[in-house]
Amino acid sequence: MTTSPVLTYPRSDKEFILDTDASNEGAGAVLSQKIGNEECVITYFSRSLGKPERNYCATRKELLAVVKPIEHLNHYFYGRKFLLRTDHASLR
């Protein structure tokens, strides 16, 4: 990384984009908005998986990576449509 990450203030006139992913160790998400031709990051979310959660199948881990950020960042999503992007085929 050669430059510091820059966070953007959310804009009420733009759609939110939530990118999620999970691994055997944790789950994470990036909340962003497309402003002009650039996708600007608003915030990041991550958490470690507990011992029981590490035994989940891949689909359940990916679903956890969707649900937990939505719960944590619900003040951005409440009453609004947003775009969810995940790399897990069965959740598309």
Protein backbone atom coordinates (compact mmCIF):
# COMPACT_ATOMS: atom_id res chain seq x y z
CA MET A 1 0.00 0.00 0.00
CA THR A 2 1.56 3.28 -1.04
CA THR A 3 -1.16 5.71 0.02
CA SER A 4 -3.30 6.02 3.12
CA PRO A 5 -6.91 4.84 2.78
CA VAL A 6 -9.41 7.69 2.65
CA LEU A 7 -12.95 7.37 3.94
CA THR A 8 -15.82 9.35 2.48
CA TYR A 9 -18.86 10.80 4.21
CA PRO A 10 -22.05 9.00 3.12
CA ARG A 11 -24.35 10.80 0.70
CA SER A 12 -28.10 10.37 1.03
CA ASP A 13 -28.63 10.74 -2.71
CA LYS A 14 -26.39 7.77 -3.63
CA GLU A 15 -26.98 4.02 -3.36
CA PHE A 16 -24.92 2.08 -0.81
CA ILE A 17 -22.80 -0.86 -1.93
CA LEU A 18 -21.88 -3.61 0.53
CA ASP A 19 -19.09 -6.04 -0.44
CA THR A 20 -18.75 -9.06 1.84
CA ASP A 21 -16.43 -12.03 2.18
CA ALA A 22 -15.64 -14.78 4.68
CA SER A 23 -12.74 -17.10 5.34
CA ASN A 24 -12.06 -19.88 7.83
CA GLU A 25 -10.85 -17.30 10.36
CA GLY A 26 -13.14 -14.28 9.94
CA ALA A 27 -15.63 -12.21 7.99
CA GLY A 28 -15.40 -8.75 6.57
CA ALA A 29 -17.22 -6.11 4.58
CA VAL A 30 -16.67 -2.80 2.84
CA LEU A 31 -19.44 -0.20 2.61
CA SER A 32 -19.05 2.22 -0.28
CA GLN A 33 -20.91 4.49 -2.69
CA LYS A 34 -20.27 5.25 -6.33
CA ILE A 35 -19.60 8.96 -6.70
CA GLY A 36 -18.91 9.98 -10.25
CA ASN A 37 -16.72 7.29 -11.80
CA GLU A 38 -15.13 6.30 -8.51
CA GLU A 39 -16.27 3.93 -5.79
CA CYS A 40 -15.59 5.65 -2.46
CA VAL A 41 -15.26 3.73 0.82
CA ILE A 42 -17.42 4.87 3.73
CA THR A 43 -16.43 2.28 6.33
CA TYR A 44 -14.97 -1.16 6.90
CA PHE A 45 -16.29 -4.01 9.05
CA SER A 46 -14.54 -7.17 10.21
CA ARG A 47 -14.83 -9.79 12.90
CA SER A 48 -13.17 -13.04 13.87
CA LEU A 49 -15.20 -16.21 13.74
CA GLY A 50 -15.81 -17.95 17.05
CA LYS A 51 -14.89 -21.61 17.48
CA PRO A 52 -18.41 -22.88 16.68
CA GLU A 53 -18.66 -20.55 13.65
CA ARG A 54 -15.38 -21.92 12.25
CA ASN A 55 -17.17 -25.26 11.87
CA TYR A 56 -19.88 -23.75 9.65
CA CYS A 57 -20.02 -24.76 6.00
CA ALA A 58 -18.77 -22.19 3.46
CA THR A 59 -22.30 -21.02 2.59
CA ARG A 60 -23.17 -20.35 6.22
CA LYS A 61 -19.89 -18.47 6.80
CA GLU A 62 -20.60 -16.30 3.75
CA LEU A 63 -24.14 -15.66 4.99
CA LEU A 64 -22.73 -14.64 8.37
CA ALA A 65 -20.45 -12.22 6.48
CA VAL A 66 -23.61 -10.64 5.03
CA VAL A 67 -25.81 -10.57 8.14
CA LYS A 68 -23.32 -9.25 10.73
CA PRO A 69 -22.28 -6.10 8.81
CA ILE A 70 -25.92 -5.31 8.03
CA GLU A 71 -26.74 -5.58 11.75
CA HIS A 72 -23.72 -3.45 12.70
CA LEU A 73 -24.25 -0.82 9.98
CA ASN A 74 -28.06 -0.81 10.04
CA HIS A 75 -28.22 2.98 10.46
CA TYR A 76 -26.99 3.27 6.85
CA PHE A 77 -29.43 0.71 5.45
CA TYR A 78 -32.62 1.30 7.42
CA GLY A 79 -35.48 1.85 4.96
CA ARG A 80 -33.16 1.97 1.94
CA LYS A 81 -32.31 -0.31 -0.93
CA PHE A 82 -28.64 -1.19 -1.35
CA LEU A 83 -26.47 -3.33 -3.59
CA LEU A 84 -24.98 -6.44 -1.99
CA ARG A 85 -21.96 -8.02 -3.67
CA THR A 86 -20.64 -11.41 -2.61
CA ASP A 87 -18.35 -13.89 -4.34
CA HIS A 88 -20.32 -16.90 -3.09
CA ALA A 89 -22.45 -18.25 -5.96
CA SER A 90 -25.27 -19.76 -3.88
CA LEU A 91 -25.97 -16.40 -2.18
CA ARG A 92 -26.34 -14.46 -5.42
